[in-house]
Amino acid sequence: MYDVIVVGAGPAGLTAGMYCARGGMRTLILGNVYGSQQSMGGMYENYPGFPEGILGLELSERMLAQAKRYGAEHKQEQVQKVVSLEGVFLIKTESWEYQGRALILATGASHRSLGVPGEDKLVTRGVSYCVYCDGALFRDRVAAVVGYGNGAARAALYLANICSKVHLVCTQEKLVAEAVYLDRLKELSNLGMIAGAEVNRILGDEFVAGVEFTVGGTVRSLKVDGVFVEVGVSPNVELAVDIGLAMTKGGFINVNRLTQETSLSGIFAAGDVTGGRMQVTTAVGSGTSAAISAMRYLK
């Protein structure tokens, strides 16, 4: 029996786990720390305390180490079901069952897909959703980044140091990214930018061979070896829906923004799964609030 079980090992979950363990709660964190958006986010230059920036993976590992230092347990298991039994939560994973008196859902979000022909077929064969995981596979080759925001800008900047040519296929009329990224993109000699594009399909039989899109009513295509998709994220709310938690109109877990309480007593939620501004700093803040609320609930 645990006092608090945290589902999710991103910045919100790791922060919540650290606070609960430090507060004397027997705490269990369930989730893959290397699969979080933070770990796959590359270099973070806007996280306080690191003026030179810090890799998301390193930040995740430091957060986990800090939580463990205060006694939190971590198991890299995927939660399949949550059952509420008279004030106790039964957490079922693929290999075990755990019980907790309070539950914090920090399941985060996953990359959205384009939903076009050829995408699913060519995943892991040239289509990727993590430039920092797979970018090195395209060294000295040609790659395309499909997206419209900071994620697309960071991906293009990263690939420009690896690939011979990078095409940034912007799905909006202009790239909506921080000024520092836009300035750096302008300095790249191996970057091509196409704005206002609607992707039609990913080309290729066994491996990616190109990407087809429409711009201004004209169908065009590019020959590329890889396509990196950066079109935002969708919240991982399957567990929340199964439990019966109230959701927002946007499909996120509905919480009290001050306490991170959900519609069911004893269950709290934090991070990207609750919507709002999806930043590491805001995830850390909501994880802190959820942990404090959970401890007050238990006491």
C-alpha atoms as a PDB file:
ATOM      1  CA  MET A   1       0.000   0.000   0.000  1.00  0.00           C
ATOM      2  CA  TYR A   2       1.428   3.360  -1.077  1.00  0.00           C
ATOM      3  CA  ASP A   3       0.308   6.746   0.171  1.00  0.00           C
ATOM      4  CA  VAL A   4       0.601   8.303  -3.295  1.00  0.00           C
ATOM      5  CA  ILE A   5       0.934   6.736  -6.702  1.00  0.00           C
ATOM      6  CA  VAL A   6       2.029   9.023  -9.523  1.00  0.00           C
ATOM      7  CA  VAL A   7       1.235   7.865 -13.060  1.00  0.00           C
ATOM      8  CA  GLY A   8       3.661   9.491 -15.467  1.00  0.00           C
ATOM      9  CA  ALA A   9       7.384  10.233 -15.366  1.00  0.00           C
ATOM     10  CA  GLY A  10       7.595  13.591 -17.118  1.00  0.00           C
ATOM     11  CA  PRO A  11       8.393  16.869 -15.334  1.00  0.00           C
ATOM     12  CA  ALA A  12       4.973  17.079 -13.639  1.00  0.00           C
ATOM     13  CA  GLY A  13       5.046  13.492 -12.395  1.00  0.00           C
ATOM     14  CA  LEU A  14       8.664  13.554 -11.247  1.00  0.00           C
ATOM     15  CA  THR A  15       8.139  16.851  -9.414  1.00  0.00           C
ATOM     16  CA  ALA A  16       4.986  15.539  -7.736  1.00  0.00           C
ATOM     17  CA  GLY A  17       6.785  12.347  -6.742  1.00  0.00           C
ATOM     18  CA  MET A  18       9.704  14.267  -5.283  1.00  0.00           C
ATOM     19  CA  TYR A  19       7.464  16.565  -3.227  1.00  0.00           C
ATOM     20  CA  CYS A  20       5.374  13.685  -1.882  1.00  0.00           C
ATOM     21  CA  ALA A  21       8.408  11.589  -0.944  1.00  0.00           C
ATOM     22  CA  ARG A  22      10.102  14.559   0.682  1.00  0.00           C
ATOM     23  CA  GLY A  23       6.875  15.149   2.614  1.00  0.00           C
ATOM     24  CA  GLY A  24       7.105  11.692   4.173  1.00  0.00           C
ATOM     25  CA  MET A  25       4.630   9.940   1.904  1.00  0.00           C
ATOM     26  CA  ARG A  26       5.375   6.447   0.662  1.00  0.00           C
ATOM     27  CA  THR A  27       5.450   7.299  -3.036  1.00  0.00           C
ATOM     28  CA  LEU A  28       5.534   5.286  -6.241  1.00  0.00           C
ATOM     29  CA  ILE A  29       6.172   6.792  -9.695  1.00  0.00           C
ATOM     30  CA  LEU A  30       5.076   4.681 -12.649  1.00  0.00           C
ATOM     31  CA  GLY A  31       6.213   5.474 -16.180  1.00  0.00           C
ATOM     32  CA  ASN A  32       9.055   5.661 -18.671  1.00  0.00           C
ATOM     33  CA  VAL A  33      11.199   8.682 -17.908  1.00  0.00           C
ATOM     34  CA  TYR A  34      12.816   8.458 -21.352  1.00  0.00           C
ATOM     35  CA  GLY A  35       9.491   8.580 -23.174  1.00  0.00           C
ATOM     36  CA  SER A  36       8.340  11.963 -21.868  1.00  0.00           C
ATOM     37  CA  GLN A  37       8.047  15.071 -24.030  1.00  0.00           C
ATOM     38  CA  GLN A  38      10.730  16.656 -21.858  1.00  0.00           C
ATOM     39  CA  SER A  39      13.238  13.859 -22.480  1.00  0.00           C
ATOM     40  CA  MET A  40      12.635  14.008 -26.227  1.00  0.00           C
ATOM     41  CA  GLY A  41      12.647  17.811 -26.396  1.00  0.00           C
ATOM     42  CA  GLY A  42      16.339  18.403 -27.063  1.00  0.00           C
ATOM     43  CA  MET A  43      18.035  21.465 -25.606  1.00  0.00           C
ATOM     44  CA  TYR A  44      16.016  23.662 -23.218  1.00  0.00           C
ATOM     45  CA  GLU A  45      17.284  27.221 -23.047  1.00  0.00           C
ATOM     46  CA  ASN A  46      14.393  28.713 -21.056  1.00  0.00           C
ATOM     47  CA  TYR A  47      14.411  26.496 -17.960  1.00  0.00           C
ATOM     48  CA  PRO A  48      15.463  28.633 -14.959  1.00  0.00           C
ATOM     49  CA  GLY A  49      18.852  27.953 -13.431  1.00  0.00           C
ATOM     50  CA  PHE A  50      20.618  26.735 -16.575  1.00  0.00           C
ATOM     51  CA  PRO A  51      21.902  29.810 -18.443  1.00  0.00           C
ATOM     52  CA  GLU A  52      23.768  27.632 -20.950  1.00  0.00           C
ATOM     53  CA  GLY A  53      20.730  25.407 -21.473  1.00  0.00           C
ATOM     54  CA  ILE A  54      20.213  21.783 -20.508  1.00  0.00           C
ATOM     55  CA  LEU A  55      19.234  18.711 -22.488  1.00  0.00           C
ATOM     56  CA  GLY A  56      15.729  17.494 -21.699  1.00  0.00           C
ATOM     57  CA  LEU A  57      17.007  13.972 -21.107  1.00  0.00           C
ATOM     58  CA  GLU A  58      19.529  15.171 -18.546  1.00  0.00           C
ATOM     59  CA  LEU A  59      16.887  17.285 -16.830  1.00  0.00           C
ATOM     60  CA  SER A  60      14.588  14.255 -16.568  1.00  0.00           C
ATOM     61  CA  GLU A  61      17.356  12.112 -15.107  1.00  0.00           C
ATOM     62  CA  ARG A  62      18.191  14.788 -12.544  1.00  0.00           C
ATOM     63  CA  MET A  63      14.546  15.101 -11.524  1.00  0.00           C
ATOM     64  CA  LEU A  64      14.242  11.342 -11.116  1.00  0.00           C
ATOM     65  CA  ALA A  65      17.452  11.175  -9.071  1.00  0.00           C
ATOM     66  CA  GLN A  66      16.146  13.920  -6.787  1.00  0.00           C
ATOM     67  CA  ALA A  67      12.836  12.117  -6.266  1.00  0.00           C
ATOM     68  CA  LYS A  68      14.660   8.870  -5.461  1.00  0.00           C
ATOM     69  CA  ARG A  69      16.962  10.678  -3.053  1.00  0.00           C
ATOM     70  CA  TYR A  70      13.944  11.471  -0.882  1.00  0.00           C
ATOM     71  CA  GLY A  71      12.661   7.900  -1.035  1.00  0.00           C
ATOM     72  CA  ALA A  72      10.339   7.801  -4.034  1.00  0.00           C
ATOM     73  CA  GLU A  73      10.219   4.458  -5.813  1.00  0.00           C
ATOM     74  CA  HIS A  74      10.187   4.327  -9.600  1.00  0.00           C
ATOM     75  CA  LYS A  75       9.052   1.496 -11.814  1.00  0.00           C
ATOM     76  CA  GLN A  76       9.176   1.728 -15.584  1.00  0.00           C
ATOM     77  CA  GLU A  77       5.788   0.129 -16.121  1.00  0.00           C
ATOM     78  CA  GLN A  78       2.833   1.102 -18.281  1.00  0.00           C
ATOM     79  CA  VAL A  79      -0.436   1.523 -16.375  1.00  0.00           C
ATOM     80  CA  GLN A  80      -3.296  -0.304 -18.053  1.00  0.00           C
ATOM     81  CA  LYS A  81      -6.200   0.290 -15.687  1.00  0.00           C
ATOM     82  CA  VAL A  82      -7.182   2.172 -12.527  1.00  0.00           C
ATOM     83  CA  VAL A  83      -9.948   0.934 -10.227  1.00  0.00           C
ATOM     84  CA  SER A  84     -11.351   2.909  -7.290  1.00  0.00           C
ATOM     85  CA  LEU A  85     -12.249   0.716  -4.299  1.00  0.00           C
ATOM     86  CA  GLU A  86     -13.694   2.656  -1.350  1.00  0.00           C
ATOM     87  CA  GLY A  87     -10.924   5.186  -0.916  1.00  0.00           C
ATOM     88  CA  VAL A  88      -8.149   2.976  -2.278  1.00  0.00           C
ATOM     89  CA  PHE A  89      -6.943   2.992  -5.869  1.00  0.00           C
ATOM     90  CA  LEU A  90      -5.907  -0.250  -7.507  1.00  0.00           C
ATOM     91  CA  ILE A  91      -3.351   0.380 -10.262  1.00  0.00           C
ATOM     92  CA  LYS A  92      -2.872  -2.420 -12.763  1.00  0.00           C
ATOM     93  CA  THR A  93       0.191  -2.505 -15.007  1.00  0.00           C
ATOM     94  CA  GLU A  94       1.259  -5.095 -17.556  1.00  0.00           C
ATOM     95  CA  SER A  95       3.101  -7.059 -14.880  1.00  0.00           C
ATOM     96  CA  TRP A  96       1.804  -6.119 -11.405  1.00  0.00           C
ATOM     97  CA  GLU A  97      -0.850  -4.451  -9.267  1.00  0.00           C
ATOM     98  CA  TYR A  98      -0.310  -1.620  -6.803  1.00  0.00           C
ATOM     99  CA  GLN A  99      -2.522   0.099  -4.263  1.00  0.00           C
ATOM    100  CA  GLY A 100      -2.493   3.734  -3.252  1.00  0.00           C
ATOM    101  CA  ARG A 101      -4.559   6.079  -1.093  1.00  0.00           C
ATOM    102  CA  ALA A 102      -4.130   9.023  -3.454  1.00  0.00           C
ATOM    103  CA  LEU A 103      -3.489   9.177  -7.175  1.00  0.00           C
ATOM    104  CA  ILE A 104      -1.774  11.822  -9.292  1.00  0.00           C
ATOM    105  CA  LEU A 105      -2.241  11.552 -13.047  1.00  0.00           C
ATOM    106  CA  ALA A 106       0.613  13.139 -14.984  1.00  0.00           C
ATOM    107  CA  THR A 107       0.304  11.139 -18.184  1.00  0.00           C
ATOM    108  CA  GLY A 108       1.356  14.010 -20.426  1.00  0.00           C
ATOM    109  CA  ALA A 109       0.724  14.178 -24.137  1.00  0.00           C
ATOM    110  CA  SER A 110       1.842  12.427 -27.311  1.00  0.00           C
ATOM    111  CA  HIS A 111       2.874  13.759 -30.689  1.00  0.00           C
ATOM    112  CA  ARG A 112       0.031  14.246 -33.146  1.00  0.00           C
ATOM    113  CA  SER A 113       0.222  12.547 -36.502  1.00  0.00           C
ATOM    114  CA  LEU A 114      -0.573  14.121 -39.867  1.00  0.00           C
ATOM    115  CA  GLY A 115      -3.167  11.472 -40.688  1.00  0.00           C
ATOM    116  CA  VAL A 116      -2.154  11.276 -44.341  1.00  0.00           C
ATOM    117  CA  PRO A 117      -1.589   8.246 -46.616  1.00  0.00           C
ATOM    118  CA  GLY A 118       1.830   6.679 -46.232  1.00  0.00           C
ATOM    119  CA  GLU A 119       2.435   8.004 -42.710  1.00  0.00           C
ATOM    120  CA  ASP A 120       1.526   4.934 -40.669  1.00  0.00           C
ATOM    121  CA  LYS A 121       3.066   2.591 -43.218  1.00  0.00           C
ATOM    122  CA  LEU A 122       6.447   4.338 -43.099  1.00  0.00           C
ATOM    123  CA  VAL A 123       6.751   4.983 -39.356  1.00  0.00           C
ATOM    124  CA  THR A 124      10.267   3.854 -38.296  1.00  0.00           C
ATOM    125  CA  ARG A 125      11.142   3.657 -41.991  1.00  0.00           C
ATOM    126  CA  GLY A 126      11.729   7.345 -42.491  1.00  0.00           C
ATOM    127  CA  VAL A 127       8.760   8.895 -40.668  1.00  0.00           C
ATOM    128  CA  SER A 128       9.612  10.011 -37.134  1.00  0.00           C
ATOM    129  CA  TYR A 129       8.117  12.117 -34.348  1.00  0.00           C
ATOM    130  CA  CYS A 130      11.370  12.604 -32.421  1.00  0.00           C
ATOM    131  CA  VAL A 131      14.190  14.403 -34.167  1.00  0.00           C
ATOM    132  CA  TYR A 132      16.508  13.931 -31.202  1.00  0.00           C
ATOM    133  CA  CYS A 133      15.914  10.180 -31.224  1.00  0.00           C
ATOM    134  CA  ASP A 134      16.237   9.534 -34.965  1.00  0.00           C
ATOM    135  CA  GLY A 135      17.964  12.552 -36.467  1.00  0.00           C
ATOM    136  CA  ALA A 136      21.395  10.932 -36.451  1.00  0.00           C
ATOM    137  CA  LEU A 137      20.097   8.246 -38.824  1.00  0.00           C
ATOM    138  CA  PHE A 138      19.899  10.873 -41.567  1.00  0.00           C
ATOM    139  CA  ARG A 139      23.424  12.239 -41.392  1.00  0.00           C
ATOM    140  CA  ASP A 140      24.469  13.758 -44.725  1.00  0.00           C
ATOM    141  CA  ARG A 141      21.031  13.006 -46.181  1.00  0.00           C
ATOM    142  CA  VAL A 142      17.952  15.111 -46.974  1.00  0.00           C
ATOM    143  CA  ALA A 143      15.131  15.490 -44.456  1.00  0.00           C
ATOM    144  CA  ALA A 144      11.871  17.398 -44.171  1.00  0.00           C
ATOM    145  CA  VAL A 145      10.321  18.842 -41.028  1.00  0.00           C
ATOM    146  CA  VAL A 146       6.540  19.271 -41.141  1.00  0.00           C
ATOM    147  CA  GLY A 147       5.091  21.682 -38.580  1.00  0.00           C
ATOM    148  CA  TYR A 148       4.389  25.277 -37.656  1.00  0.00           C
ATOM    149  CA  GLY A 149       5.762  26.195 -34.199  1.00  0.00           C
ATOM    150  CA  ASN A 150       8.711  26.054 -31.828  1.00  0.00           C
ATOM    151  CA  GLY A 151       8.941  22.281 -32.141  1.00  0.00           C
ATOM    152  CA  ALA A 152       9.357  22.507 -35.909  1.00  0.00           C
ATOM    153  CA  ALA A 153      11.906  25.316 -35.586  1.00  0.00           C
ATOM    154  CA  ARG A 154      14.004  23.402 -33.045  1.00  0.00           C
ATOM    155  CA  ALA A 155      13.837  20.256 -35.173  1.00  0.00           C
ATOM    156  CA  ALA A 156      15.040  22.115 -38.268  1.00  0.00           C
ATOM    157  CA  LEU A 157      17.899  23.729 -36.351  1.00  0.00           C
ATOM    158  CA  TYR A 158      18.980  20.373 -34.962  1.00  0.00           C
ATOM    159  CA  LEU A 159      18.833  18.589 -38.318  1.00  0.00           C
ATOM    160  CA  ALA A 160      20.711  21.375 -40.091  1.00  0.00           C
ATOM    161  CA  ASN A 161      23.864  20.305 -38.228  1.00  0.00           C
ATOM    162  CA  ILE A 162      23.420  16.706 -39.389  1.00  0.00           C
ATOM    163  CA  CYS A 163      21.728  16.635 -42.784  1.00  0.00           C
ATOM    164  CA  SER A 164      23.011  17.897 -46.112  1.00  0.00           C
ATOM    165  CA  LYS A 165      19.666  19.626 -46.716  1.00  0.00           C
ATOM    166  CA  VAL A 166      16.608  20.356 -44.553  1.00  0.00           C
ATOM    167  CA  HIS A 167      13.197  21.382 -45.877  1.00  0.00           C
ATOM    168  CA  LEU A 168      10.863  23.033 -43.372  1.00  0.00           C
ATOM    169  CA  VAL A 169       7.335  22.454 -44.645  1.00  0.00           C
ATOM    170  CA  CYS A 170       5.251  24.904 -42.619  1.00  0.00           C
ATOM    171  CA  THR A 171       1.576  23.959 -42.358  1.00  0.00           C
ATOM    172  CA  GLN A 172       0.552  27.545 -41.582  1.00  0.00           C
ATOM    173  CA  GLU A 173       1.013  30.764 -43.532  1.00  0.00           C
ATOM    174  CA  LYS A 174       4.088  31.531 -41.465  1.00  0.00           C
ATOM    175  CA  LEU A 175       6.227  29.818 -38.868  1.00  0.00           C
ATOM    176  CA  VAL A 176       5.030  30.776 -35.369  1.00  0.00           C
ATOM    177  CA  ALA A 177       8.174  30.447 -33.270  1.00  0.00           C
ATOM    178  CA  GLU A 178      10.263  32.399 -30.798  1.00  0.00           C
ATOM    179  CA  ALA A 179      12.333  35.193 -32.293  1.00  0.00           C
ATOM    180  CA  VAL A 180      15.615  33.560 -31.271  1.00  0.00           C
ATOM    181  CA  TYR A 181      14.737  30.474 -33.336  1.00  0.00           C
ATOM    182  CA  LEU A 182      13.619  32.520 -36.327  1.00  0.00           C
ATOM    183  CA  ASP A 183      16.897  34.450 -36.311  1.00  0.00           C
ATOM    184  CA  ARG A 184      18.947  31.258 -36.185  1.00  0.00           C
ATOM    185  CA  LEU A 185      16.966  29.709 -39.031  1.00  0.00           C
ATOM    186  CA  LYS A 186      17.744  32.708 -41.248  1.00  0.00           C
ATOM    187  CA  GLU A 187      21.457  32.018 -40.832  1.00  0.00           C
ATOM    188  CA  LEU A 188      21.243  28.452 -42.192  1.00  0.00           C
ATOM    189  CA  SER A 189      22.528  27.896 -45.705  1.00  0.00           C
ATOM    190  CA  ASN A 190      21.140  24.359 -46.046  1.00  0.00           C
ATOM    191  CA  LEU A 191      17.536  25.155 -45.070  1.00  0.00           C
ATOM    192  CA  GLY A 192      14.618  25.518 -47.446  1.00  0.00           C
ATOM    193  CA  MET A 193      11.292  26.934 -46.222  1.00  0.00           C
ATOM    194  CA  ILE A 194       7.849  26.311 -47.711  1.00  0.00           C
ATOM    195  CA  ALA A 195       4.960  28.101 -45.967  1.00  0.00           C
ATOM    196  CA  GLY A 196       1.203  27.558 -46.211  1.00  0.00           C
ATOM    197  CA  ALA A 197       1.558  23.894 -47.183  1.00  0.00           C
ATOM    198  CA  GLU A 198      -1.055  21.180 -46.783  1.00  0.00           C
ATOM    199  CA  VAL A 199       0.574  17.767 -46.744  1.00  0.00           C
ATOM    200  CA  ASN A 200      -1.209  15.233 -48.950  1.00  0.00           C
ATOM    201  CA  ARG A 201       0.834  12.083 -48.441  1.00  0.00           C
ATOM    202  CA  ILE A 202       4.208  10.594 -47.602  1.00  0.00           C
ATOM    203  CA  LEU A 203       5.825   8.979 -50.618  1.00  0.00           C
ATOM    204  CA  GLY A 204       7.727   5.707 -50.633  1.00  0.00           C
ATOM    205  CA  ASP A 205       7.332   1.944 -50.788  1.00  0.00           C
ATOM    206  CA  GLU A 206       9.659   0.346 -48.238  1.00  0.00           C
ATOM    207  CA  PHE A 207      11.237   3.609 -47.049  1.00  0.00           C
ATOM    208  CA  VAL A 208      10.404   7.307 -47.283  1.00  0.00           C
ATOM    209  CA  ALA A 209      11.194   8.712 -50.715  1.00  0.00           C
ATOM    210  CA  GLY A 210       9.447  12.061 -50.546  1.00  0.00           C
ATOM    211  CA  VAL A 211       6.574  14.189 -49.316  1.00  0.00           C
ATOM    212  CA  GLU A 212       3.709  15.575 -51.414  1.00  0.00           C
ATOM    213  CA  PHE A 213       1.873  18.763 -50.453  1.00  0.00           C
ATOM    214  CA  THR A 214      -0.334  21.515 -51.862  1.00  0.00           C
ATOM    215  CA  VAL A 215       0.626  25.209 -51.795  1.00  0.00           C
ATOM    216  CA  GLY A 216      -1.704  27.830 -53.230  1.00  0.00           C
ATOM    217  CA  GLY A 217      -3.679  25.223 -55.113  1.00  0.00           C
ATOM    218  CA  THR A 218      -0.566  23.720 -56.707  1.00  0.00           C
ATOM    219  CA  VAL A 219       0.523  20.163 -55.882  1.00  0.00           C
ATOM    220  CA  ARG A 220       4.249  19.868 -55.245  1.00  0.00           C
ATOM    221  CA  SER A 221       6.621  17.246 -53.919  1.00  0.00           C
ATOM    222  CA  LEU A 222      10.084  17.032 -52.431  1.00  0.00           C
ATOM    223  CA  LYS A 223      12.515  14.150 -52.587  1.00  0.00           C
ATOM    224  CA  VAL A 224      13.576  13.434 -49.017  1.00  0.00           C
ATOM    225  CA  ASP A 225      14.963  10.508 -47.037  1.00  0.00           C
ATOM    226  CA  GLY A 226      13.114  11.312 -43.829  1.00  0.00           C
ATOM    227  CA  VAL A 227      10.043  13.193 -42.620  1.00  0.00           C
ATOM    228  CA  PHE A 228       9.926  14.548 -39.068  1.00  0.00           C
ATOM    229  CA  VAL A 229       6.422  15.460 -37.899  1.00  0.00           C
ATOM    230  CA  GLU A 230       6.060  18.392 -35.473  1.00  0.00           C
ATOM    231  CA  VAL A 231       2.355  19.348 -35.473  1.00  0.00           C
ATOM    232  CA  GLY A 232       1.639  19.534 -31.764  1.00  0.00           C
ATOM    233  CA  VAL A 233       0.502  16.998 -29.206  1.00  0.00           C
ATOM    234  CA  SER A 234      -2.657  15.290 -27.952  1.00  0.00           C
ATOM    235  CA  PRO A 235      -3.266  14.622 -24.231  1.00  0.00           C
ATOM    236  CA  ASN A 236      -2.966  11.044 -22.997  1.00  0.00           C
ATOM    237  CA  VAL A 237      -6.370  10.886 -21.324  1.00  0.00           C
ATOM    238  CA  GLU A 238      -7.319   7.233 -21.844  1.00  0.00           C
ATOM    239  CA  LEU A 239      -6.952   6.369 -18.138  1.00  0.00           C
ATOM    240  CA  ALA A 240      -8.845   9.482 -17.069  1.00  0.00           C
ATOM    241  CA  VAL A 241     -11.734   8.727 -19.403  1.00  0.00           C
ATOM    242  CA  ASP A 242     -11.839   5.111 -18.223  1.00  0.00           C
ATOM    243  CA  ILE A 243     -11.978   6.229 -14.582  1.00  0.00           C
ATOM    244  CA  GLY A 244     -14.796   8.646 -15.397  1.00  0.00           C
ATOM    245  CA  LEU A 245     -13.088  11.964 -14.691  1.00  0.00           C
ATOM    246  CA  ALA A 246     -14.696  15.145 -15.978  1.00  0.00           C
ATOM    247  CA  MET A 247     -13.028  16.499 -19.108  1.00  0.00           C
ATOM    248  CA  THR A 248     -12.790  19.966 -20.651  1.00  0.00           C
ATOM    249  CA  LYS A 249     -14.301  20.838 -24.017  1.00  0.00           C
ATOM    250  CA  GLY A 250     -10.806  20.585 -25.451  1.00  0.00           C
ATOM    251  CA  GLY A 251     -10.433  17.001 -24.272  1.00  0.00           C
ATOM    252  CA  PHE A 252      -8.101  17.589 -21.309  1.00  0.00           C
ATOM    253  CA  ILE A 253      -8.623  16.519 -17.687  1.00  0.00           C
ATOM    254  CA  ASN A 254     -10.694  19.177 -15.948  1.00  0.00           C
ATOM    255  CA  VAL A 255      -8.922  20.346 -12.777  1.00  0.00           C
ATOM    256  CA  ASN A 256      -9.130  23.092 -10.208  1.00  0.00           C
ATOM    257  CA  ARG A 257      -6.197  25.229 -11.349  1.00  0.00           C
ATOM    258  CA  LEU A 258      -5.274  26.132  -7.778  1.00  0.00           C
ATOM    259  CA  THR A 259      -5.279  22.644  -6.241  1.00  0.00           C
ATOM    260  CA  GLN A 260      -5.096  20.354  -9.331  1.00  0.00           C
ATOM    261  CA  GLU A 261      -8.084  18.405  -7.942  1.00  0.00           C
ATOM    262  CA  THR A 262     -10.131  16.432 -10.447  1.00  0.00           C
ATOM    263  CA  SER A 263     -13.836  15.604 -10.295  1.00  0.00           C
ATOM    264  CA  LEU A 264     -13.153  12.494  -8.152  1.00  0.00           C
ATOM    265  CA  SER A 265     -11.953  12.688  -4.560  1.00  0.00           C
ATOM    266  CA  GLY A 266      -8.381  11.500  -4.056  1.00  0.00           C
ATOM    267  CA  ILE A 267      -7.385  11.923  -7.697  1.00  0.00           C
ATOM    268  CA  PHE A 268      -5.269  14.862  -8.837  1.00  0.00           C
ATOM    269  CA  ALA A 269      -3.831  15.682 -12.253  1.00  0.00           C
ATOM    270  CA  ALA A 270      -0.922  17.798 -13.466  1.00  0.00           C
ATOM    271  CA  GLY A 271       1.074  18.683 -16.554  1.00  0.00           C
ATOM    272  CA  ASP A 272       0.199  18.588 -20.234  1.00  0.00           C
ATOM    273  CA  VAL A 273      -2.722  16.217 -19.697  1.00  0.00           C
ATOM    274  CA  THR A 274      -4.591  19.131 -18.085  1.00  0.00           C
ATOM    275  CA  GLY A 275      -3.994  21.547 -20.983  1.00  0.00           C
ATOM    276  CA  GLY A 276      -2.994  25.172 -20.558  1.00  0.00           C
ATOM    277  CA  ARG A 277       0.461  26.415 -21.516  1.00  0.00           C
ATOM    278  CA  MET A 278       2.473  23.289 -22.225  1.00  0.00           C
ATOM    279  CA  GLN A 279       5.867  24.260 -20.853  1.00  0.00           C
ATOM    280  CA  VAL A 280       8.259  22.381 -18.597  1.00  0.00           C
ATOM    281  CA  THR A 281       8.071  25.181 -16.038  1.00  0.00           C
ATOM    282  CA  THR A 282       4.262  25.112 -15.889  1.00  0.00           C
ATOM    283  CA  ALA A 283       4.326  21.307 -15.640  1.00  0.00           C
ATOM    284  CA  VAL A 284       6.684  21.540 -12.679  1.00  0.00           C
ATOM    285  CA  GLY A 285       4.419  24.092 -11.013  1.00  0.00           C
ATOM    286  CA  SER A 286       1.270  22.017 -11.454  1.00  0.00           C
ATOM    287  CA  GLY A 287       3.109  18.907 -10.236  1.00  0.00           C
ATOM    288  CA  THR A 288       4.074  20.803  -7.091  1.00  0.00           C
ATOM    289  CA  SER A 289       0.491  21.914  -6.503  1.00  0.00           C
ATOM    290  CA  ALA A 290      -0.881  18.411  -7.080  1.00  0.00           C
ATOM    291  CA  ALA A 291       1.577  16.931  -4.593  1.00  0.00           C
ATOM    292  CA  ILE A 292       0.749  19.471  -1.880  1.00  0.00           C
ATOM    293  CA  SER A 293      -2.977  18.877  -2.440  1.00  0.00           C
ATOM    294  CA  ALA A 294      -2.532  15.104  -2.308  1.00  0.00           C
ATOM    295  CA  MET A 295      -0.645  15.320   0.990  1.00  0.00           C
ATOM    296  CA  ARG A 296      -3.304  17.577   2.496  1.00  0.00           C
ATOM    297  CA  TYR A 297      -5.961  15.146   1.326  1.00  0.00           C
ATOM    298  CA  LEU A 298      -4.187  12.238   3.040  1.00  0.00           C
ATOM    299  CA  LYS A 299      -3.659  14.152   6.266  1.00  0.00           C
END
